[in-house]
Amino acid sequence: LGVRYLTLTHSESLDWADSCSDAPRARGLSPFGEQVVR
C-alpha cells in the first residue's frame, strides 16, 4: 500500500521491541522482532 518505513515502537513496549518511554519487555528485540527487521 506504499508504506516505506515502520517505526518499531511508539510510546509503549511490545513483546518484540522495547520503547524508550516504557518498561522493557523484549530485552531489545525478541526473535520475532529480529524477523521484522529482516
PDB file of all heavy atoms in Angstrom:
ATOM      1  N   LEU A   1       0.813  -1.217   0.000  1.00  0.00           N
ATOM      2  CA  LEU A   1       0.000   0.000   0.000  1.00  0.00           C
ATOM      3  C   LEU A   1       0.847   1.267   0.000  1.00  0.00           C
ATOM      4  O   LEU A   1       0.298   2.371   0.004  1.00  0.00           O
ATOM      5  CB  LEU A   1      -0.928   0.006   1.217  1.00  0.00           C
ATOM      6  CG  LEU A   1      -2.033  -1.052   1.206  1.00  0.00           C
ATOM      7  CD1 LEU A   1      -2.764  -1.061   2.540  1.00  0.00           C
ATOM      8  CD2 LEU A   1      -3.014  -0.791   0.062  1.00  0.00           C
ATOM      9  N   GLY A   2       2.180   1.112   0.005  1.00  0.00           N
ATOM     10  CA  GLY A   2       3.048   2.279  -0.125  1.00  0.00           C
ATOM     11  C   GLY A   2       3.843   2.647   1.103  1.00  0.00           C
ATOM     12  O   GLY A   2       4.586   3.642   1.076  1.00  0.00           O
ATOM     13  N   VAL A   3       3.739   1.889   2.186  1.00  0.00           N
ATOM     14  CA  VAL A   3       4.495   2.215   3.397  1.00  0.00           C
ATOM     15  C   VAL A   3       5.972   1.948   3.150  1.00  0.00           C
ATOM     16  O   VAL A   3       6.344   0.842   2.735  1.00  0.00           O
ATOM     17  CB  VAL A   3       3.982   1.395   4.603  1.00  0.00           C
ATOM     18  CG1 VAL A   3       4.863   1.615   5.829  1.00  0.00           C
ATOM     19  CG2 VAL A   3       2.530   1.759   4.896  1.00  0.00           C
ATOM     20  N   ARG A   4       6.813   2.948   3.431  1.00  0.00           N
ATOM     21  CA  ARG A   4       8.239   2.801   3.175  1.00  0.00           C
ATOM     22  C   ARG A   4       9.103   2.947   4.420  1.00  0.00           C
ATOM     23  O   ARG A   4      10.322   2.838   4.321  1.00  0.00           O
ATOM     24  CB  ARG A   4       8.679   3.775   2.073  1.00  0.00           C
ATOM     25  CG  ARG A   4       8.142   3.412   0.690  1.00  0.00           C
ATOM     26  CD  ARG A   4       8.567   2.012   0.269  1.00  0.00           C
ATOM     27  NE  ARG A   4       8.031   1.601  -1.038  1.00  0.00           N
ATOM     28  CZ  ARG A   4       6.938   0.883  -1.205  1.00  0.00           C
ATOM     29  NH1 ARG A   4       6.233   0.479  -0.148  1.00  0.00           N
ATOM     30  NH2 ARG A   4       6.535   0.545  -2.403  1.00  0.00           N
ATOM     31  N   TYR A   5       8.503   3.179   5.584  1.00  0.00           N
ATOM     32  CA  TYR A   5       9.212   2.894   6.824  1.00  0.00           C
ATOM     33  C   TYR A   5       8.215   2.508   7.899  1.00  0.00           C
ATOM     34  O   TYR A   5       7.036   2.874   7.848  1.00  0.00           O
ATOM     35  CB  TYR A   5      10.142   4.025   7.279  1.00  0.00           C
ATOM     36  CG  TYR A   5       9.543   5.289   7.886  1.00  0.00           C
ATOM     37  CD1 TYR A   5       8.877   5.273   9.121  1.00  0.00           C
ATOM     38  CD2 TYR A   5       9.736   6.525   7.277  1.00  0.00           C
ATOM     39  CE1 TYR A   5       8.386   6.441   9.694  1.00  0.00           C
ATOM     40  CE2 TYR A   5       9.254   7.692   7.846  1.00  0.00           C
ATOM     41  CZ  TYR A   5       8.584   7.642   9.061  1.00  0.00           C
ATOM     42  OH  TYR A   5       8.101   8.793   9.637  1.00  0.00           O
ATOM     43  N   LEU A   6       8.716   1.726   8.857  1.00  0.00           N
ATOM     44  CA  LEU A   6       7.966   1.371  10.055  1.00  0.00           C
ATOM     45  C   LEU A   6       8.799   1.763  11.256  1.00  0.00           C
ATOM     46  O   LEU A   6       9.957   1.342  11.376  1.00  0.00           O
ATOM     47  CB  LEU A   6       7.671  -0.131  10.102  1.00  0.00           C
ATOM     48  CG  LEU A   6       7.056  -0.638  11.420  1.00  0.00           C
ATOM     49  CD1 LEU A   6       5.614  -0.176  11.559  1.00  0.00           C
ATOM     50  CD2 LEU A   6       7.139  -2.167  11.517  1.00  0.00           C
ATOM     51  N   THR A   7       8.231   2.586  12.150  1.00  0.00           N
ATOM     52  CA  THR A   7       8.850   2.887  13.433  1.00  0.00           C
ATOM     53  C   THR A   7       8.577   1.679  14.341  1.00  0.00           C
ATOM     54  O   THR A   7       7.417   1.317  14.548  1.00  0.00           O
ATOM     55  CB  THR A   7       8.232   4.149  14.047  1.00  0.00           C
ATOM     56  OG1 THR A   7       8.094   5.156  13.028  1.00  0.00           O
ATOM     57  CG2 THR A   7       9.093   4.681  15.176  1.00  0.00           C
ATOM     58  N   LEU A   8       9.609   1.051  14.862  1.00  0.00           N
ATOM     59  CA  LEU A   8       9.426  -0.240  15.526  1.00  0.00           C
ATOM     60  C   LEU A   8       8.509  -0.160  16.740  1.00  0.00           C
ATOM     61  O   LEU A   8       7.742  -1.087  17.010  1.00  0.00           O
ATOM     62  CB  LEU A   8      10.780  -0.836  15.920  1.00  0.00           C
ATOM     63  CG  LEU A   8      11.734  -1.178  14.761  1.00  0.00           C
ATOM     64  CD1 LEU A   8      12.939  -1.935  15.280  1.00  0.00           C
ATOM     65  CD2 LEU A   8      11.038  -1.963  13.655  1.00  0.00           C
ATOM     66  N   THR A   9       8.582   0.925  17.500  1.00  0.00           N
ATOM     67  CA  THR A   9       7.655   1.109  18.625  1.00  0.00           C
ATOM     68  C   THR A   9       7.173   2.556  18.634  1.00  0.00           C
ATOM     69  O   THR A   9       7.720   3.415  17.945  1.00  0.00           O
ATOM     70  CB  THR A   9       8.314   0.826  20.002  1.00  0.00           C
ATOM     71  OG1 THR A   9       9.222   1.886  20.315  1.00  0.00           O
ATOM     72  CG2 THR A   9       9.032  -0.503  20.016  1.00  0.00           C
ATOM     73  N   HIS A  10       6.143   2.787  19.462  1.00  0.00           N
ATOM     74  CA  HIS A  10       5.798   4.163  19.793  1.00  0.00           C
ATOM     75  C   HIS A  10       6.063   4.335  21.291  1.00  0.00           C
ATOM     76  O   HIS A  10       7.176   4.076  21.748  1.00  0.00           O
ATOM     77  CB  HIS A  10       4.363   4.507  19.381  1.00  0.00           C
ATOM     78  CG  HIS A  10       4.074   5.982  19.472  1.00  0.00           C
ATOM     79  ND1 HIS A  10       3.220   6.511  20.406  1.00  0.00           N
ATOM     80  CD2 HIS A  10       4.569   7.035  18.779  1.00  0.00           C
ATOM     81  CE1 HIS A  10       3.191   7.829  20.276  1.00  0.00           C
ATOM     82  NE2 HIS A  10       3.996   8.170  19.292  1.00  0.00           N
ATOM     83  N   SER A  11       5.079   4.740  22.055  1.00  0.00           N
ATOM     84  CA  SER A  11       5.311   5.092  23.456  1.00  0.00           C
ATOM     85  C   SER A  11       5.261   3.906  24.409  1.00  0.00           C
ATOM     86  O   SER A  11       5.589   4.053  25.588  1.00  0.00           O
ATOM     87  CB  SER A  11       4.281   6.139  23.894  1.00  0.00           C
ATOM     88  OG  SER A  11       2.961   5.645  23.723  1.00  0.00           O
ATOM     89  N   GLU A  12       4.843   2.738  23.926  1.00  0.00           N
ATOM     90  CA  GLU A  12       4.757   1.554  24.781  1.00  0.00           C
ATOM     91  C   GLU A  12       5.582   0.414  24.195  1.00  0.00           C
ATOM     92  O   GLU A  12       5.644   0.248  22.979  1.00  0.00           O
ATOM     93  CB  GLU A  12       3.297   1.114  24.937  1.00  0.00           C
ATOM     94  CG  GLU A  12       2.415   2.137  25.646  1.00  0.00           C
ATOM     95  CD  GLU A  12       0.991   1.656  25.832  1.00  0.00           C
ATOM     96  OE1 GLU A  12       0.743   0.445  25.653  1.00  0.00           O
ATOM     97  OE2 GLU A  12       0.123   2.487  26.142  1.00  0.00           O
ATOM     98  N   SER A  13       6.201  -0.352  25.090  1.00  0.00           N
ATOM     99  CA  SER A  13       6.956  -1.523  24.657  1.00  0.00           C
ATOM    100  C   SER A  13       6.011  -2.599  24.133  1.00  0.00           C
ATOM    101  O   SER A  13       4.876  -2.739  24.593  1.00  0.00           O
ATOM    102  CB  SER A  13       7.777  -2.081  25.819  1.00  0.00           C
ATOM    103  OG  SER A  13       8.799  -1.170  26.188  1.00  0.00           O
ATOM    104  N   LEU A  14       6.510  -3.359  23.167  1.00  0.00           N
ATOM    105  CA  LEU A  14       5.797  -4.509  22.616  1.00  0.00           C
ATOM    106  C   LEU A  14       6.467  -5.778  23.113  1.00  0.00           C
ATOM    107  O   LEU A  14       7.570  -5.729  23.682  1.00  0.00           O
ATOM    108  CB  LEU A  14       5.833  -4.459  21.088  1.00  0.00           C
ATOM    109  CG  LEU A  14       5.369  -3.153  20.437  1.00  0.00           C
ATOM    110  CD1 LEU A  14       5.651  -3.183  18.947  1.00  0.00           C
ATOM    111  CD2 LEU A  14       3.904  -2.907  20.725  1.00  0.00           C
ATOM    112  N   ASP A  15       5.854  -6.915  22.861  1.00  0.00           N
ATOM    113  CA  ASP A  15       6.514  -8.148  23.279  1.00  0.00           C
ATOM    114  C   ASP A  15       7.697  -8.488  22.378  1.00  0.00           C
ATOM    115  O   ASP A  15       8.477  -9.389  22.696  1.00  0.00           O
ATOM    116  CB  ASP A  15       5.527  -9.314  23.349  1.00  0.00           C
ATOM    117  CG  ASP A  15       4.761  -9.552  22.058  1.00  0.00           C
ATOM    118  OD1 ASP A  15       5.122  -8.943  21.023  1.00  0.00           O
ATOM    119  OD2 ASP A  15       3.808 -10.349  22.070  1.00  0.00           O
ATOM    120  N   TRP A  16       7.875  -7.707  21.291  1.00  0.00           N
ATOM    121  CA  TRP A  16       9.013  -7.968  20.403  1.00  0.00           C
ATOM    122  C   TRP A  16       9.980  -6.795  20.251  1.00  0.00           C
ATOM    123  O   TRP A  16      11.051  -6.949  19.641  1.00  0.00           O
ATOM    124  CB  TRP A  16       8.539  -8.439  19.033  1.00  0.00           C
ATOM    125  CG  TRP A  16       7.578  -7.545  18.288  1.00  0.00           C
ATOM    126  CD1 TRP A  16       6.219  -7.587  18.336  1.00  0.00           C
ATOM    127  CD2 TRP A  16       7.917  -6.502  17.355  1.00  0.00           C
ATOM    128  NE1 TRP A  16       5.678  -6.633  17.503  1.00  0.00           N
ATOM    129  CE2 TRP A  16       6.695  -5.960  16.880  1.00  0.00           C
ATOM    130  CE3 TRP A  16       9.113  -5.992  16.877  1.00  0.00           C
ATOM    131  CZ2 TRP A  16       6.654  -4.917  15.954  1.00  0.00           C
ATOM    132  CZ3 TRP A  16       9.086  -4.954  15.955  1.00  0.00           C
ATOM    133  CH2 TRP A  16       7.857  -4.428  15.506  1.00  0.00           C
ATOM    134  N   ALA A  17       9.680  -5.632  20.813  1.00  0.00           N
ATOM    135  CA  ALA A  17      10.576  -4.478  20.740  1.00  0.00           C
ATOM    136  C   ALA A  17      10.258  -3.525  21.885  1.00  0.00           C
ATOM    137  O   ALA A  17       9.089  -3.342  22.233  1.00  0.00           O
ATOM    138  CB  ALA A  17      10.439  -3.760  19.394  1.00  0.00           C
ATOM    139  N   ASP A  18      11.300  -2.920  22.452  1.00  0.00           N
ATOM    140  CA  ASP A  18      11.132  -2.059  23.621  1.00  0.00           C
ATOM    141  C   ASP A  18      11.113  -0.589  23.244  1.00  0.00           C
ATOM    142  O   ASP A  18      11.896  -0.133  22.387  1.00  0.00           O
ATOM    143  CB  ASP A  18      12.273  -2.290  24.627  1.00  0.00           C
ATOM    144  CG  ASP A  18      12.238  -3.679  25.224  1.00  0.00           C
ATOM    145  OD1 ASP A  18      11.126  -4.209  25.408  1.00  0.00           O
ATOM    146  OD2 ASP A  18      13.323  -4.240  25.497  1.00  0.00           O
ATOM    147  N   SER A  19      10.225   0.152  23.898  1.00  0.00           N
ATOM    148  CA  SER A  19      10.122   1.604  23.724  1.00  0.00           C
ATOM    149  C   SER A  19      11.056   2.310  24.700  1.00  0.00           C
ATOM    150  O   SER A  19      11.338   1.807  25.795  1.00  0.00           O
ATOM    151  CB  SER A  19       8.680   2.059  23.970  1.00  0.00           C
ATOM    152  OG  SER A  19       8.601   3.472  24.029  1.00  0.00           O
ATOM    153  N   CYS A  20      11.498   3.508  24.314  1.00  0.00           N
ATOM    154  CA  CYS A  20      12.340   4.320  25.197  1.00  0.00           C
ATOM    155  C   CYS A  20      11.547   4.912  26.355  1.00  0.00           C
ATOM    156  O   CYS A  20      12.136   5.422  27.312  1.00  0.00           O
ATOM    157  CB  CYS A  20      13.000   5.440  24.410  1.00  0.00           C
ATOM    158  SG  CYS A  20      11.865   6.740  23.848  1.00  0.00           S
ATOM    159  N   SER A  21      10.220   4.851  26.286  1.00  0.00           N
ATOM    160  CA  SER A  21       9.390   5.526  27.284  1.00  0.00           C
ATOM    161  C   SER A  21       8.492   4.548  28.032  1.00  0.00           C
ATOM    162  O   SER A  21       7.420   4.918  28.509  1.00  0.00           O
ATOM    163  CB  SER A  21       8.537   6.607  26.603  1.00  0.00           C
ATOM    164  OG  SER A  21       7.849   6.092  25.482  1.00  0.00           O
ATOM    165  N   ASP A  22       8.958   3.301  28.152  1.00  0.00           N
ATOM    166  CA  ASP A  22       8.183   2.289  28.855  1.00  0.00           C
ATOM    167  C   ASP A  22       9.147   1.235  29.390  1.00  0.00           C
ATOM    168  O   ASP A  22      10.320   1.161  28.980  1.00  0.00           O
ATOM    169  CB  ASP A  22       7.175   1.648  27.883  1.00  0.00           C
ATOM    170  CG  ASP A  22       6.081   0.849  28.587  1.00  0.00           C
ATOM    171  OD1 ASP A  22       5.988   0.940  29.824  1.00  0.00           O
ATOM    172  OD2 ASP A  22       5.334   0.144  27.886  1.00  0.00           O
ATOM    173  N   ALA A  23       8.680   0.417  30.301  1.00  0.00           N
ATOM    174  CA  ALA A  23       9.497  -0.673  30.832  1.00  0.00           C
ATOM    175  C   ALA A  23       9.786  -1.684  29.725  1.00  0.00           C
ATOM    176  O   ALA A  23       8.933  -1.952  28.876  1.00  0.00           O
ATOM    177  CB  ALA A  23       8.772  -1.349  31.990  1.00  0.00           C
ATOM    178  N   PRO A  24      10.999  -2.273  29.712  1.00  0.00           N
ATOM    179  CA  PRO A  24      11.341  -3.229  28.647  1.00  0.00           C
ATOM    180  C   PRO A  24      10.589  -4.535  28.787  1.00  0.00           C
ATOM    181  O   PRO A  24      10.283  -4.988  29.889  1.00  0.00           O
ATOM    182  CB  PRO A  24      12.848  -3.441  28.839  1.00  0.00           C
ATOM    183  CG  PRO A  24      13.102  -3.118  30.278  1.00  0.00           C
ATOM    184  CD  PRO A  24      12.120  -2.030  30.631  1.00  0.00           C
ATOM    185  N   ARG A  25      10.294  -5.142  27.646  1.00  0.00           N
ATOM    186  CA  ARG A  25       9.648  -6.458  27.609  1.00  0.00           C
ATOM    187  C   ARG A  25      10.431  -7.442  26.745  1.00  0.00           C
ATOM    188  O   ARG A  25      10.338  -8.646  26.937  1.00  0.00           O
ATOM    189  CB  ARG A  25       8.220  -6.328  27.054  1.00  0.00           C
ATOM    190  CG  ARG A  25       7.292  -5.471  27.901  1.00  0.00           C
ATOM    191  CD  ARG A  25       5.932  -5.273  27.218  1.00  0.00           C
ATOM    192  NE  ARG A  25       5.254  -6.537  26.968  1.00  0.00           N
ATOM    193  CZ  ARG A  25       4.158  -6.643  26.218  1.00  0.00           C
ATOM    194  NH1 ARG A  25       3.634  -5.545  25.644  1.00  0.00           N
ATOM    195  NH2 ARG A  25       3.583  -7.812  26.033  1.00  0.00           N
ATOM    196  N   ALA A  26      11.179  -6.933  25.776  1.00  0.00           N
ATOM    197  CA  ALA A  26      11.812  -7.800  24.782  1.00  0.00           C
ATOM    198  C   ALA A  26      13.332  -7.861  24.907  1.00  0.00           C
ATOM    199  O   ALA A  26      13.981  -8.535  24.113  1.00  0.00           O
ATOM    200  CB  ALA A  26      11.442  -7.319  23.376  1.00  0.00           C
ATOM    201  N   ARG A  27      13.908  -7.128  25.875  1.00  0.00           N
ATOM    202  CA  ARG A  27      15.364  -7.045  26.011  1.00  0.00           C
ATOM    203  C   ARG A  27      15.999  -6.588  24.701  1.00  0.00           C
ATOM    204  O   ARG A  27      16.974  -7.159  24.223  1.00  0.00           O
ATOM    205  CB  ARG A  27      15.954  -8.382  26.463  1.00  0.00           C
ATOM    206  CG  ARG A  27      15.490  -8.826  27.840  1.00  0.00           C
ATOM    207  CD  ARG A  27      16.143 -10.127  28.256  1.00  0.00           C
ATOM    208  NE  ARG A  27      15.686 -10.550  29.581  1.00  0.00           N
ATOM    209  CZ  ARG A  27      16.083 -11.664  30.196  1.00  0.00           C
ATOM    210  NH1 ARG A  27      16.936 -12.473  29.591  1.00  0.00           N
ATOM    211  NH2 ARG A  27      15.619 -11.963  31.389  1.00  0.00           N
ATOM    212  N   GLY A  28      15.428  -5.546  24.131  1.00  0.00           N
ATOM    213  CA  GLY A  28      15.883  -5.033  22.842  1.00  0.00           C
ATOM    214  C   GLY A  28      14.956  -5.492  21.746  1.00  0.00           C
ATOM    215  O   GLY A  28      13.941  -4.859  21.461  1.00  0.00           O
ATOM    216  N   LEU A  29      15.295  -6.612  21.130  1.00  0.00           N
ATOM    217  CA  LEU A  29      14.430  -7.251  20.128  1.00  0.00           C
ATOM    218  C   LEU A  29      14.298  -8.726  20.470  1.00  0.00           C
ATOM    219  O   LEU A  29      15.286  -9.406  20.761  1.00  0.00           O
ATOM    220  CB  LEU A  29      15.031  -7.132  18.721  1.00  0.00           C
ATOM    221  CG  LEU A  29      14.960  -5.793  17.992  1.00  0.00           C
ATOM    222  CD1 LEU A  29      15.696  -5.905  16.656  1.00  0.00           C
ATOM    223  CD2 LEU A  29      13.527  -5.339  17.770  1.00  0.00           C
ATOM    224  N   SER A  30      13.084  -9.229  20.414  1.00  0.00           N
ATOM    225  CA  SER A  30      12.855 -10.664  20.549  1.00  0.00           C
ATOM    226  C   SER A  30      13.218 -11.330  19.217  1.00  0.00           C
ATOM    227  O   SER A  30      13.453 -10.653  18.208  1.00  0.00           O
ATOM    228  CB  SER A  30      11.389 -10.927  20.876  1.00  0.00           C
ATOM    229  OG  SER A  30      10.584 -10.714  19.719  1.00  0.00           O
ATOM    230  N   PRO A  31      13.241 -12.671  19.165  1.00  0.00           N
ATOM    231  CA  PRO A  31      13.448 -13.341  17.872  1.00  0.00           C
ATOM    232  C   PRO A  31      12.449 -12.883  16.804  1.00  0.00           C
ATOM    233  O   PRO A  31      12.823 -12.708  15.638  1.00  0.00           O
ATOM    234  CB  PRO A  31      13.286 -14.826  18.216  1.00  0.00           C
ATOM    235  CG  PRO A  31      13.756 -14.911  19.640  1.00  0.00           C
ATOM    236  CD  PRO A  31      13.268 -13.644  20.286  1.00  0.00           C
ATOM    237  N   PHE A  32      11.185 -12.654  17.200  1.00  0.00           N
ATOM    238  CA  PHE A  32      10.223 -12.157  16.212  1.00  0.00           C
ATOM    239  C   PHE A  32      10.586 -10.733  15.789  1.00  0.00           C
ATOM    240  O   PHE A  32      10.451 -10.374  14.612  1.00  0.00           O
ATOM    241  CB  PHE A  32       8.802 -12.182  16.771  1.00  0.00           C
ATOM    242  CG  PHE A  32       7.776 -11.609  15.820  1.00  0.00           C
ATOM    243  CD1 PHE A  32       7.393 -12.314  14.693  1.00  0.00           C
ATOM    244  CD2 PHE A  32       7.222 -10.350  16.041  1.00  0.00           C
ATOM    245  CE1 PHE A  32       6.461 -11.782  13.798  1.00  0.00           C
ATOM    246  CE2 PHE A  32       6.296  -9.818  15.161  1.00  0.00           C
ATOM    247  CZ  PHE A  32       5.919 -10.531  14.030  1.00  0.00           C
ATOM    248  N   GLY A  33      11.061  -9.925  16.725  1.00  0.00           N
ATOM    249  CA  GLY A  33      11.491  -8.577  16.372  1.00  0.00           C
ATOM    250  C   GLY A  33      12.616  -8.594  15.353  1.00  0.00           C
ATOM    251  O   GLY A  33      12.649  -7.768  14.428  1.00  0.00           O
ATOM    252  N   GLU A  34      13.543  -9.523  15.494  1.00  0.00           N
ATOM    253  CA  GLU A  34      14.605  -9.659  14.500  1.00  0.00           C
ATOM    254  C   GLU A  34      14.031 -10.073  13.148  1.00  0.00           C
ATOM    255  O   GLU A  34      14.494  -9.605  12.096  1.00  0.00           O
ATOM    256  CB  GLU A  34      15.638 -10.680  14.980  1.00  0.00           C
ATOM    257  CG  GLU A  34      16.410 -10.206  16.213  1.00  0.00           C
ATOM    258  CD  GLU A  34      17.492 -11.181  16.631  1.00  0.00           C
ATOM    259  OE1 GLU A  34      17.657 -12.229  15.956  1.00  0.00           O
ATOM    260  OE2 GLU A  34      18.186 -10.894  17.626  1.00  0.00           O
ATOM    261  N   GLN A  35      13.009 -10.927  13.166  1.00  0.00           N
ATOM    262  CA  GLN A  35      12.334 -11.299  11.919  1.00  0.00           C
ATOM    263  C   GLN A  35      11.717 -10.073  11.245  1.00  0.00           C
ATOM    264  O   GLN A  35      11.771  -9.930  10.010  1.00  0.00           O
ATOM    265  CB  GLN A  35      11.225 -12.305  12.197  1.00  0.00           C
ATOM    266  CG  GLN A  35      11.649 -13.743  12.301  1.00  0.00           C
ATOM    267  CD  GLN A  35      10.429 -14.653  12.394  1.00  0.00           C
ATOM    268  OE1 GLN A  35       9.831 -14.799  13.464  1.00  0.00           O
ATOM    269  NE2 GLN A  35      10.032 -15.230  11.282  1.00  0.00           N
ATOM    270  N   VAL A  36      11.110  -9.198  12.040  1.00  0.00           N
ATOM    271  CA  VAL A  36      10.500  -7.987  11.488  1.00  0.00           C
ATOM    272  C   VAL A  36      11.551  -7.153  10.771  1.00  0.00           C
ATOM    273  O   VAL A  36      11.347  -6.685   9.636  1.00  0.00           O
ATOM    274  CB  VAL A  36       9.812  -7.163  12.604  1.00  0.00           C
ATOM    275  CG1 VAL A  36       9.375  -5.795  12.066  1.00  0.00           C
ATOM    276  CG2 VAL A  36       8.604  -7.908  13.163  1.00  0.00           C
ATOM    277  N   VAL A  37      12.708  -6.952  11.402  1.00  0.00           N
ATOM    278  CA  VAL A  37      13.771  -6.152  10.794  1.00  0.00           C
ATOM    279  C   VAL A  37      14.247  -6.791   9.499  1.00  0.00           C
ATOM    280  O   VAL A  37      14.415  -6.114   8.468  1.00  0.00           O
ATOM    281  CB  VAL A  37      14.939  -5.965  11.787  1.00  0.00           C
ATOM    282  CG1 VAL A  37      16.156  -5.345  11.093  1.00  0.00           C
ATOM    283  CG2 VAL A  37      14.505  -5.096  12.963  1.00  0.00           C
ATOM    284  N   ARG A  38      14.457  -8.100   9.519  1.00  0.00           N
ATOM    285  CA  ARG A  38      14.928  -8.771   8.302  1.00  0.00           C
ATOM    286  C   ARG A  38      13.888  -8.702   7.179  1.00  0.00           C
ATOM    287  O   ARG A  38      14.243  -8.550   6.001  1.00  0.00           O
ATOM    288  CB  ARG A  38      15.269 -10.232   8.614  1.00  0.00           C
ATOM    289  CG  ARG A  38      16.486 -10.385   9.530  1.00  0.00           C
ATOM    290  CD  ARG A  38      16.942 -11.844   9.598  1.00  0.00           C
ATOM    291  NE  ARG A  38      18.012 -11.985  10.577  1.00  0.00           N
ATOM    292  CZ  ARG A  38      17.835 -12.424  11.824  1.00  0.00           C
ATOM    293  NH1 ARG A  38      16.618 -12.782  12.237  1.00  0.00           N
ATOM    294  NH2 ARG A  38      18.849 -12.522  12.653  1.00  0.00           N
TER     295      ARG A  38
END
